[in-house]
């Protein structure tokens, strides 16, 4: 039974990577409040949790603070190795969203239905229903995070 789950997940992940390949292969991701950050800026995020963000206008309070620190830490690691946010976003945001949604929805639906086929179909419906929502509204990041 475990081999069957593994095979189905590999197939679902393959389909997901074919559909969402633009998220991982595009160079720079910017949209509305999604800002590009250079590697030097990301490197600054390796520090302890910041209360004040100096890179936004005259500065501002970091509402994320301590709960958002792991997010900044992972981006900071990429900045330390010389990668900008165009590269780090793909591994910190998009890749976990794609993989997590496929695996999470599959196992949740399998637990509810008890069927491998039902879980595979349910996972496809869950993942691509959101894909159509994202493309219909122009790629809202809030919908993407709600989906993962």
Protein backbone atom coordinates (compact mmCIF):
# COMPACT_ATOMS: atom_id res chain seq x y z
CA UNK A 1 0.00 0.00 0.00
CA UNK A 2 2.87 2.39 0.73
CA UNK A 3 4.31 1.84 -2.75
CA UNK A 4 0.95 2.73 -4.27
CA UNK A 5 0.79 5.99 -2.27
CA UNK A 6 4.33 6.87 -3.33
CA UNK A 7 3.56 6.26 -7.00
CA UNK A 8 0.36 8.32 -6.89
CA UNK A 9 2.15 11.20 -5.14
CA UNK A 10 4.97 11.15 -7.71
CA UNK A 11 2.38 11.30 -10.52
CA UNK A 12 0.49 14.14 -8.79
CA UNK A 13 3.72 16.06 -8.17
CA UNK A 14 4.75 15.60 -11.80
CA UNK A 15 1.44 17.02 -12.99
CA UNK A 16 1.72 19.90 -10.52
CA UNK A 17 5.24 20.78 -11.65
CA UNK A 18 4.08 20.74 -15.28
CA UNK A 19 1.22 23.13 -14.49
CA UNK A 20 3.09 25.42 -12.07
CA UNK A 21 6.45 25.39 -13.86
CA UNK A 22 6.25 29.15 -14.50
CA UNK A 23 6.39 29.78 -10.76
CA UNK A 24 9.73 28.02 -10.57
CA UNK A 25 11.30 29.02 -13.90
CA UNK A 26 10.48 32.72 -14.21
CA UNK A 27 13.36 35.02 -13.32
CA UNK A 28 11.91 37.76 -11.11
CA UNK A 29 8.63 37.71 -9.26
CA UNK A 30 7.12 41.13 -8.57
CA UNK A 31 3.50 42.06 -8.23
CA UNK A 32 1.78 44.79 -6.23
CA UNK A 33 3.30 44.38 -2.74
CA UNK A 34 5.72 41.61 -3.74
CA UNK A 35 9.03 43.47 -3.90
CA UNK A 36 12.33 42.43 -5.40
CA UNK A 37 15.18 42.31 -2.88
CA UNK A 38 18.88 42.16 -3.71
CA UNK A 39 21.14 39.57 -2.08
CA UNK A 40 22.65 42.25 0.19
CA UNK A 41 19.23 43.05 1.61
CA UNK A 42 18.40 39.38 2.10
CA UNK A 43 21.71 38.90 3.90
CA UNK A 44 20.59 41.49 6.47
CA UNK A 45 17.63 39.25 7.28
CA UNK A 46 19.97 36.69 8.86
CA UNK A 47 20.04 38.79 12.03
CA UNK A 48 17.90 38.22 15.08
CA UNK A 49 14.21 39.08 14.68
CA UNK A 50 13.84 42.70 13.62
CA UNK A 51 11.29 45.05 15.14
CA UNK A 52 12.04 47.91 12.73
CA UNK A 53 12.34 47.53 8.97
CA UNK A 54 14.58 50.22 7.48
CA UNK A 55 14.24 49.27 3.80
CA UNK A 56 10.64 50.49 3.43
CA UNK A 57 10.36 54.26 2.94
CA UNK A 58 11.43 55.94 6.16
CA UNK A 59 11.14 52.61 7.94
CA UNK A 60 8.27 50.86 9.63
CA UNK A 61 7.31 48.44 12.33
CA UNK A 62 7.83 44.79 11.43
CA UNK A 63 4.41 43.35 12.20
CA UNK A 64 5.63 39.80 11.49
CA UNK A 65 8.36 40.13 14.11
CA UNK A 66 9.23 36.91 15.87
CA UNK A 67 6.60 34.70 14.16
CA UNK A 68 7.88 35.78 10.75
CA UNK A 69 11.54 35.28 11.63
CA UNK A 70 11.94 31.77 10.11
CA UNK A 71 10.66 33.16 6.81
CA UNK A 72 13.25 35.94 6.85
CA UNK A 73 15.93 33.50 8.02
CA UNK A 74 15.46 31.20 5.02
CA UNK A 75 15.57 34.16 2.62
CA UNK A 76 18.66 35.41 4.46
CA UNK A 77 20.43 32.11 3.91
CA UNK A 78 19.90 32.44 0.17
CA UNK A 79 21.14 36.05 0.35
CA UNK A 80 24.24 34.88 2.20
CA UNK A 81 25.10 32.68 -0.79
CA UNK A 82 24.56 35.58 -3.19
CA UNK A 83 21.04 34.86 -4.45
CA UNK A 84 18.42 37.59 -4.73
CA UNK A 85 14.73 37.28 -3.96
CA UNK A 86 13.99 36.26 -7.54
CA UNK A 87 15.71 32.96 -6.75
CA UNK A 88 14.97 32.52 -3.05
CA UNK A 89 11.23 33.04 -3.48
CA UNK A 90 10.99 29.91 -5.55
CA UNK A 91 12.41 27.73 -2.76
CA UNK A 92 10.98 29.52 0.27
CA UNK A 93 7.47 30.23 -1.05
CA UNK A 94 6.52 28.47 -4.25
CA UNK A 95 8.12 25.04 -3.92
CA UNK A 96 6.65 24.37 -0.44
CA UNK A 97 3.25 25.59 -1.65
CA UNK A 98 3.28 23.19 -4.59
CA UNK A 99 4.65 20.17 -2.73
CA UNK A 100 2.69 20.82 0.47
CA UNK A 101 -0.63 21.22 -1.29
CA UNK A 102 -0.20 18.00 -3.28
CA UNK A 103 0.94 15.84 -0.37
CA UNK A 104 -1.30 17.45 2.24
CA UNK A 105 -4.49 17.28 0.22
CA UNK A 106 -3.77 13.72 -0.90
CA UNK A 107 -3.28 12.35 2.61
CA UNK A 108 -6.18 14.36 4.07
CA UNK A 109 -8.61 13.14 1.43
CA UNK A 110 -7.24 9.59 1.69
CA UNK A 111 -7.83 9.65 5.45
CA UNK A 112 -11.39 10.86 4.93
CA UNK A 113 -12.35 8.58 2.04
CA UNK A 114 -10.01 5.63 2.60
CA UNK A 115 -9.55 5.36 -1.16
CA UNK A 116 -6.35 5.93 -3.13
CA UNK A 117 -8.27 6.77 -6.30
CA UNK A 118 -10.61 9.09 -4.42
CA UNK A 119 -7.63 10.80 -2.80
CA UNK A 120 -5.88 11.26 -6.15
CA UNK A 121 -9.00 12.74 -7.78
CA UNK A 122 -9.74 14.90 -4.74
CA UNK A 123 -6.18 16.19 -4.67
CA UNK A 124 -6.38 17.11 -8.36
CA UNK A 125 -9.67 18.95 -7.80
CA UNK A 126 -8.24 20.80 -4.81
CA UNK A 127 -5.02 21.85 -6.49
CA UNK A 128 -6.38 22.89 -9.88
CA UNK A 129 -9.55 24.51 -8.59
CA UNK A 130 -7.23 27.01 -6.93
CA UNK A 131 -5.12 27.28 -10.09
CA UNK A 132 -8.16 28.51 -11.98
CA UNK A 133 -8.98 30.93 -9.15
CA UNK A 134 -5.45 32.33 -9.26
CA UNK A 135 -5.46 32.81 -13.02
CA UNK A 136 -8.97 34.29 -12.95
CA UNK A 137 -8.03 37.08 -10.51
CA UNK A 138 -4.61 37.77 -11.95
CA UNK A 139 -2.36 35.79 -9.65
CA UNK A 140 -3.24 36.92 -6.14
CA UNK A 141 -0.61 35.85 -3.61
CA UNK A 142 -3.28 35.71 -0.87
CA UNK A 143 -5.12 32.98 -2.75
CA UNK A 144 -1.86 31.08 -3.19
CA UNK A 145 -1.11 31.15 0.53
CA UNK A 146 -4.65 30.17 1.41
CA UNK A 147 -4.35 27.22 -0.94
CA UNK A 148 -1.20 25.88 0.68
